Amino acid sequence: MARIIKADGRTINEYDYTGLEAKQKAVGGWIEPVYTSDWVILVNEEGHLENLPMNLEVSAMCGRVIVGDCLVMTHKEWSSEN
């Protein structure tokens, strides 16, 4: 199941991501998907504008700077919701 990786390094495993509201709650705002070969990572669309802190773990997963709390899902989990 999907997990939240918070900017402070904490992880919430087995997050119930069903529905748009649950996804928005996880990232603290409007969602934007970031695709990697292994994951679909939902980030706060306005995270950079809101000056959210860098998420080191997710940035390493993506190979680019990612800020704020993120919802990490498999491609299968993402496609089942869309």
Protein backbone atom coordinates (compact mmCIF):
# COMPACT_ATOMS: atom_id res chain seq x y z
CA MET A 1 0.00 0.00 0.00
CA ALA A 2 1.03 3.61 -0.50
CA ARG A 3 3.12 5.46 2.04
CA ILE A 4 3.67 9.06 3.03
CA ILE A 5 7.25 10.24 3.28
CA LYS A 6 7.29 13.47 5.24
CA ALA A 7 9.82 16.23 4.67
CA ASP A 8 11.16 15.67 8.20
CA GLY A 9 12.02 12.04 7.33
CA ARG A 10 9.13 10.32 9.08
CA THR A 11 7.21 7.68 7.14
CA ILE A 12 3.58 6.64 7.43
CA ASN A 13 3.17 3.18 5.93
CA GLU A 14 -0.02 1.65 4.50
CA TYR A 15 -1.76 4.98 3.95
CA ASP A 16 -5.33 4.74 2.65
CA TYR A 17 -5.01 6.89 -0.48
CA THR A 18 -8.55 6.27 -1.77
CA GLY A 19 -10.11 9.42 -3.21
CA LEU A 20 -8.81 12.86 -4.10
CA GLU A 21 -9.29 14.28 -0.60
CA ALA A 22 -7.04 11.60 0.96
CA LYS A 23 -4.32 12.37 -1.58
CA GLN A 24 -4.59 16.12 -1.02
CA LYS A 25 -4.49 15.62 2.74
CA ALA A 26 -1.30 13.56 2.40
CA VAL A 27 0.57 16.34 0.55
CA GLY A 28 -1.14 19.32 2.17
CA GLY A 29 -2.66 20.81 -0.98
CA TRP A 30 -3.26 20.28 -4.68
CA ILE A 31 -1.59 17.13 -5.99
CA GLU A 32 0.93 16.88 -8.81
CA PRO A 33 2.25 13.46 -9.88
CA VAL A 34 5.96 12.93 -10.41
CA TYR A 35 6.71 9.74 -12.32
CA THR A 36 9.77 7.53 -11.88
CA SER A 37 10.37 4.09 -13.32
CA ASP A 38 9.31 2.52 -10.01
CA TRP A 39 6.91 5.00 -8.41
CA VAL A 40 4.29 7.65 -8.87
CA ILE A 41 4.99 10.28 -6.24
CA LEU A 42 2.31 12.81 -5.44
CA VAL A 43 3.67 16.17 -4.34
CA ASN A 44 2.12 19.48 -3.36
CA GLU A 45 1.71 21.36 -6.64
CA GLU A 46 2.50 24.68 -4.94
CA GLY A 47 5.22 23.34 -2.66
CA HIS A 48 7.98 25.53 -4.09
CA LEU A 49 5.75 28.63 -4.02
CA GLU A 50 4.91 27.89 -0.37
CA ASN A 51 8.62 27.41 0.45
CA LEU A 52 8.03 23.93 1.86
CA PRO A 53 11.15 22.19 3.20
CA MET A 54 13.12 19.88 0.93
CA ASN A 55 12.23 16.20 1.17
CA LEU A 56 15.66 14.58 1.02
CA GLU A 57 14.48 10.98 0.75
CA VAL A 58 12.03 11.61 -2.07
CA SER A 59 14.46 13.93 -3.86
CA ALA A 60 16.96 11.06 -3.91
CA MET A 61 14.29 8.72 -5.31
CA CYS A 62 13.45 11.20 -8.10
CA GLY A 63 16.85 12.61 -8.92
CA ARG A 64 15.50 16.15 -8.54
CA VAL A 65 14.53 18.55 -5.77
CA ILE A 66 11.19 17.63 -4.19
CA VAL A 67 9.69 19.62 -1.34
CA GLY A 68 7.08 18.92 1.29
CA ASP A 69 5.32 15.74 2.33
CA CYS A 70 4.84 13.20 -0.46
CA LEU A 71 2.58 10.26 -1.17
CA VAL A 72 4.54 7.42 -2.77
CA MET A 73 2.48 4.93 -4.77
CA THR A 74 3.15 2.11 -7.19
CA HIS A 75 2.12 2.64 -10.80
CA LYS A 76 -0.59 0.01 -10.25
CA GLU A 77 -2.00 1.89 -7.23
CA TRP A 78 -2.02 5.13 -9.20
CA SER A 79 -3.67 3.65 -12.28
CA SER A 80 -6.36 1.93 -10.19
CA GLU A 81 -7.40 5.37 -8.88
CA ASN A 82 -7.41 7.19 -12.23
